Amino acid sequence: MERIIVKTIYTYGLILSMTSMTAGLLLKFITHEPSSGPADLLHLGVASIPDTLMSVGIGILAATPLVNVVALMQHWARHRNFRMAGIAATVTVILAVAAILEQG
Protein backbone atom coordinates (compact mmCIF):
# COMPACT_ATOMS: atom_id res chain seq x y z
CA MET A 1 0.00 0.00 0.00
CA GLU A 2 2.86 2.37 0.82
CA ARG A 3 4.22 1.99 -2.70
CA ILE A 4 0.90 3.07 -4.20
CA ILE A 5 0.82 6.16 -1.98
CA VAL A 6 4.40 7.09 -2.84
CA LYS A 7 3.93 6.45 -6.56
CA THR A 8 0.71 8.48 -6.72
CA ILE A 9 2.10 11.50 -4.85
CA TYR A 10 5.32 11.61 -6.84
CA THR A 11 3.48 11.15 -10.14
CA TYR A 12 0.99 13.96 -9.51
CA GLY A 13 3.66 16.20 -8.00
CA LEU A 14 5.84 15.76 -11.05
CA ILE A 15 2.94 16.31 -13.46
CA LEU A 16 1.83 19.52 -11.69
CA SER A 17 5.38 20.78 -11.43
CA MET A 18 6.30 20.11 -15.04
CA THR A 19 3.00 21.57 -16.28
CA SER A 20 3.60 24.80 -14.39
CA MET A 21 7.24 25.09 -15.47
CA THR A 22 6.42 24.26 -19.10
CA ALA A 23 3.61 26.82 -19.19
CA GLY A 24 5.95 29.46 -17.78
CA LEU A 25 8.66 28.61 -20.29
CA LEU A 26 6.24 28.67 -23.23
CA LEU A 27 4.83 32.03 -22.10
CA LYS A 28 8.38 33.34 -21.83
CA PHE A 29 9.10 32.32 -25.44
CA ILE A 30 5.76 33.58 -26.76
CA THR A 31 5.89 37.01 -25.09
CA HIS A 32 9.65 37.54 -25.54
CA GLU A 33 9.56 39.05 -22.07
CA PRO A 34 12.94 39.72 -20.42
CA SER A 35 13.60 37.77 -17.26
CA SER A 36 12.81 39.53 -14.03
CA GLY A 37 14.98 37.04 -12.15
CA PRO A 38 13.82 34.24 -9.91
CA ALA A 39 10.44 34.84 -8.30
CA ASP A 40 10.23 34.87 -4.53
CA LEU A 41 7.55 32.34 -3.58
CA LEU A 42 6.34 34.66 -0.81
CA HIS A 43 5.95 37.64 -3.19
CA LEU A 44 4.75 36.09 -6.42
CA GLY A 45 2.85 39.15 -7.65
CA VAL A 46 6.10 41.09 -8.09
CA ALA A 47 7.61 38.80 -10.76
CA SER A 48 6.32 38.36 -14.29
CA ILE A 49 3.74 35.64 -14.96
CA PRO A 50 6.18 33.30 -16.77
CA ASP A 51 8.76 33.63 -13.97
CA THR A 52 6.04 33.09 -11.38
CA LEU A 53 4.79 29.93 -13.12
CA MET A 54 8.31 28.53 -13.30
CA SER A 55 8.95 29.34 -9.63
CA VAL A 56 5.66 27.75 -8.56
CA GLY A 57 6.62 24.62 -10.51
CA ILE A 58 9.93 24.45 -8.68
CA GLY A 59 8.12 24.99 -5.38
CA ILE A 60 5.72 22.12 -6.12
CA LEU A 61 8.64 19.89 -7.04
CA ALA A 62 10.42 20.78 -3.80
CA ALA A 63 7.28 20.24 -1.67
CA THR A 64 6.42 16.83 -3.13
CA PRO A 65 8.70 14.81 -0.79
CA LEU A 66 7.26 16.59 2.25
CA VAL A 67 3.71 15.82 1.12
CA ASN A 68 4.81 12.21 0.67
CA VAL A 69 6.22 11.97 4.21
CA VAL A 70 3.05 13.47 5.70
CA ALA A 71 0.81 11.08 3.73
CA LEU A 72 2.88 8.07 4.81
CA MET A 73 2.81 9.28 8.42
CA GLN A 74 -1.00 9.34 8.31
CA HIS A 75 -1.08 5.92 6.66
CA TRP A 76 1.20 4.38 9.28
CA ALA A 77 -0.72 5.99 12.15
CA ARG A 78 -4.01 4.59 10.81
CA HIS A 79 -2.45 1.13 10.63
CA ARG A 80 -1.01 1.50 14.14
CA ASN A 81 2.61 1.38 13.01
CA PHE A 82 3.55 4.06 15.49
CA ARG A 83 7.29 3.55 15.14
CA MET A 84 7.25 4.49 11.45
CA ALA A 85 4.67 7.23 12.05
CA GLY A 86 6.94 8.69 14.74
CA ILE A 87 9.94 8.65 12.42
CA ALA A 88 7.88 10.37 9.70
CA ALA A 89 6.66 12.96 12.23
CA THR A 90 10.26 13.63 13.27
CA VAL A 91 11.30 14.14 9.64
CA THR A 92 8.34 16.50 9.12
CA VAL A 93 9.30 18.57 12.18
CA ILE A 94 12.94 18.74 11.08
CA LEU A 95 11.90 19.93 7.60
CA ALA A 96 9.52 22.52 9.09
CA VAL A 97 12.22 23.87 11.44
CA ALA A 98 14.71 24.02 8.55
CA ALA A 99 12.21 25.99 6.44
CA ILE A 100 11.53 28.43 9.27
CA LEU A 101 15.23 28.94 10.01
CA GLU A 102 16.01 29.41 6.32
CA GLN A 103 13.63 32.37 6.15
CA GLY A 104 14.97 34.03 9.27
C-alpha atoms as a PDB file:
ATOM      1  CA  MET A   1       0.000   0.000   0.000  1.00  0.00           C
ATOM      2  CA  GLU A   2       2.858   2.372   0.823  1.00  0.00           C
ATOM      3  CA  ARG A   3       4.224   1.990  -2.705  1.00  0.00           C
ATOM      4  CA  ILE A   4       0.903   3.066  -4.197  1.00  0.00           C
ATOM      5  CA  ILE A   5       0.821   6.164  -1.984  1.00  0.00           C
ATOM      6  CA  VAL A   6       4.404   7.094  -2.843  1.00  0.00           C
ATOM      7  CA  LYS A   7       3.934   6.454  -6.564  1.00  0.00           C
ATOM      8  CA  THR A   8       0.711   8.479  -6.717  1.00  0.00           C
ATOM      9  CA  ILE A   9       2.098  11.496  -4.848  1.00  0.00           C
ATOM     10  CA  TYR A  10       5.322  11.606  -6.842  1.00  0.00           C
ATOM     11  CA  THR A  11       3.478  11.153 -10.135  1.00  0.00           C
ATOM     12  CA  TYR A  12       0.990  13.959  -9.509  1.00  0.00           C
ATOM     13  CA  GLY A  13       3.655  16.203  -7.998  1.00  0.00           C
ATOM     14  CA  LEU A  14       5.844  15.757 -11.054  1.00  0.00           C
ATOM     15  CA  ILE A  15       2.938  16.310 -13.462  1.00  0.00           C
ATOM     16  CA  LEU A  16       1.828  19.517 -11.690  1.00  0.00           C
ATOM     17  CA  SER A  17       5.376  20.775 -11.428  1.00  0.00           C
ATOM     18  CA  MET A  18       6.296  20.108 -15.039  1.00  0.00           C
ATOM     19  CA  THR A  19       2.999  21.571 -16.278  1.00  0.00           C
ATOM     20  CA  SER A  20       3.603  24.802 -14.387  1.00  0.00           C
ATOM     21  CA  MET A  21       7.240  25.088 -15.470  1.00  0.00           C
ATOM     22  CA  THR A  22       6.421  24.259 -19.097  1.00  0.00           C
ATOM     23  CA  ALA A  23       3.607  26.823 -19.194  1.00  0.00           C
ATOM     24  CA  GLY A  24       5.953  29.459 -17.782  1.00  0.00           C
ATOM     25  CA  LEU A  25       8.664  28.608 -20.290  1.00  0.00           C
ATOM     26  CA  LEU A  26       6.237  28.673 -23.226  1.00  0.00           C
ATOM     27  CA  LEU A  27       4.831  32.028 -22.100  1.00  0.00           C
ATOM     28  CA  LYS A  28       8.379  33.341 -21.828  1.00  0.00           C
ATOM     29  CA  PHE A  29       9.098  32.320 -25.438  1.00  0.00           C
ATOM     30  CA  ILE A  30       5.763  33.582 -26.764  1.00  0.00           C
ATOM     31  CA  THR A  31       5.889  37.006 -25.093  1.00  0.00           C
ATOM     32  CA  HIS A  32       9.647  37.541 -25.541  1.00  0.00           C
ATOM     33  CA  GLU A  33       9.564  39.047 -22.069  1.00  0.00           C
ATOM     34  CA  PRO A  34      12.938  39.717 -20.420  1.00  0.00           C
ATOM     35  CA  SER A  35      13.601  37.766 -17.265  1.00  0.00           C
ATOM     36  CA  SER A  36      12.808  39.527 -14.027  1.00  0.00           C
ATOM     37  CA  GLY A  37      14.981  37.035 -12.148  1.00  0.00           C
ATOM     38  CA  PRO A  38      13.822  34.242  -9.908  1.00  0.00           C
ATOM     39  CA  ALA A  39      10.442  34.839  -8.304  1.00  0.00           C
ATOM     40  CA  ASP A  40      10.225  34.871  -4.532  1.00  0.00           C
ATOM     41  CA  LEU A  41       7.547  32.343  -3.580  1.00  0.00           C
ATOM     42  CA  LEU A  42       6.344  34.662  -0.812  1.00  0.00           C
ATOM     43  CA  HIS A  43       5.946  37.644  -3.190  1.00  0.00           C
ATOM     44  CA  LEU A  44       4.751  36.089  -6.423  1.00  0.00           C
ATOM     45  CA  GLY A  45       2.854  39.147  -7.648  1.00  0.00           C
ATOM     46  CA  VAL A  46       6.105  41.090  -8.089  1.00  0.00           C
ATOM     47  CA  ALA A  47       7.611  38.801 -10.759  1.00  0.00           C
ATOM     48  CA  SER A  48       6.318  38.359 -14.294  1.00  0.00           C
ATOM     49  CA  ILE A  49       3.738  35.643 -14.957  1.00  0.00           C
ATOM     50  CA  PRO A  50       6.178  33.304 -16.769  1.00  0.00           C
ATOM     51  CA  ASP A  51       8.762  33.631 -13.974  1.00  0.00           C
ATOM     52  CA  THR A  52       6.039  33.095 -11.378  1.00  0.00           C
ATOM     53  CA  LEU A  53       4.788  29.933 -13.118  1.00  0.00           C
ATOM     54  CA  MET A  54       8.309  28.532 -13.298  1.00  0.00           C
ATOM     55  CA  SER A  55       8.950  29.335  -9.627  1.00  0.00           C
ATOM     56  CA  VAL A  56       5.657  27.754  -8.564  1.00  0.00           C
ATOM     57  CA  GLY A  57       6.616  24.618 -10.514  1.00  0.00           C
ATOM     58  CA  ILE A  58       9.932  24.446  -8.681  1.00  0.00           C
ATOM     59  CA  GLY A  59       8.118  24.985  -5.382  1.00  0.00           C
ATOM     60  CA  ILE A  60       5.719  22.122  -6.118  1.00  0.00           C
ATOM     61  CA  LEU A  61       8.637  19.888  -7.042  1.00  0.00           C
ATOM     62  CA  ALA A  62      10.415  20.782  -3.801  1.00  0.00           C
ATOM     63  CA  ALA A  63       7.282  20.243  -1.674  1.00  0.00           C
ATOM     64  CA  THR A  64       6.419  16.831  -3.130  1.00  0.00           C
ATOM     65  CA  PRO A  65       8.699  14.806  -0.793  1.00  0.00           C
ATOM     66  CA  LEU A  66       7.259  16.595   2.246  1.00  0.00           C
ATOM     67  CA  VAL A  67       3.712  15.816   1.120  1.00  0.00           C
ATOM     68  CA  ASN A  68       4.807  12.214   0.665  1.00  0.00           C
ATOM     69  CA  VAL A  69       6.218  11.973   4.209  1.00  0.00           C
ATOM     70  CA  VAL A  70       3.047  13.469   5.704  1.00  0.00           C
ATOM     71  CA  ALA A  71       0.813  11.076   3.728  1.00  0.00           C
ATOM     72  CA  LEU A  72       2.882   8.073   4.805  1.00  0.00           C
ATOM     73  CA  MET A  73       2.808   9.283   8.423  1.00  0.00           C
ATOM     74  CA  GLN A  74      -1.000   9.342   8.311  1.00  0.00           C
ATOM     75  CA  HIS A  75      -1.085   5.916   6.655  1.00  0.00           C
ATOM     76  CA  TRP A  76       1.199   4.377   9.276  1.00  0.00           C
ATOM     77  CA  ALA A  77      -0.715   5.992  12.148  1.00  0.00           C
ATOM     78  CA  ARG A  78      -4.009   4.590  10.806  1.00  0.00           C
ATOM     79  CA  HIS A  79      -2.451   1.134  10.628  1.00  0.00           C
ATOM     80  CA  ARG A  80      -1.009   1.497  14.139  1.00  0.00           C
ATOM     81  CA  ASN A  81       2.606   1.382  13.012  1.00  0.00           C
ATOM     82  CA  PHE A  82       3.548   4.063  15.494  1.00  0.00           C
ATOM     83  CA  ARG A  83       7.292   3.555  15.141  1.00  0.00           C
ATOM     84  CA  MET A  84       7.254   4.491  11.447  1.00  0.00           C
ATOM     85  CA  ALA A  85       4.670   7.234  12.053  1.00  0.00           C
ATOM     86  CA  GLY A  86       6.935   8.693  14.739  1.00  0.00           C
ATOM     87  CA  ILE A  87       9.940   8.646  12.416  1.00  0.00           C
ATOM     88  CA  ALA A  88       7.880  10.374   9.701  1.00  0.00           C
ATOM     89  CA  ALA A  89       6.662  12.964  12.227  1.00  0.00           C
ATOM     90  CA  THR A  90      10.262  13.633  13.267  1.00  0.00           C
ATOM     91  CA  VAL A  91      11.301  14.138   9.639  1.00  0.00           C
ATOM     92  CA  THR A  92       8.338  16.503   9.123  1.00  0.00           C
ATOM     93  CA  VAL A  93       9.304  18.572  12.182  1.00  0.00           C
ATOM     94  CA  ILE A  94      12.945  18.744  11.077  1.00  0.00           C
ATOM     95  CA  LEU A  95      11.905  19.929   7.602  1.00  0.00           C
ATOM     96  CA  ALA A  96       9.523  22.524   9.093  1.00  0.00           C
ATOM     97  CA  VAL A  97      12.220  23.875  11.443  1.00  0.00           C
ATOM     98  CA  ALA A  98      14.705  24.024   8.549  1.00  0.00           C
ATOM     99  CA  ALA A  99      12.206  25.987   6.438  1.00  0.00           C
ATOM    100  CA  ILE A 100      11.533  28.429   9.274  1.00  0.00           C
ATOM    101  CA  LEU A 101      15.230  28.937  10.012  1.00  0.00           C
ATOM    102  CA  GLU A 102      16.014  29.415   6.322  1.00  0.00           C
ATOM    103  CA  GLN A 103      13.632  32.371   6.146  1.00  0.00           C
ATOM    104  CA  GLY A 104      14.967  34.026   9.273  1.00  0.00           C
END
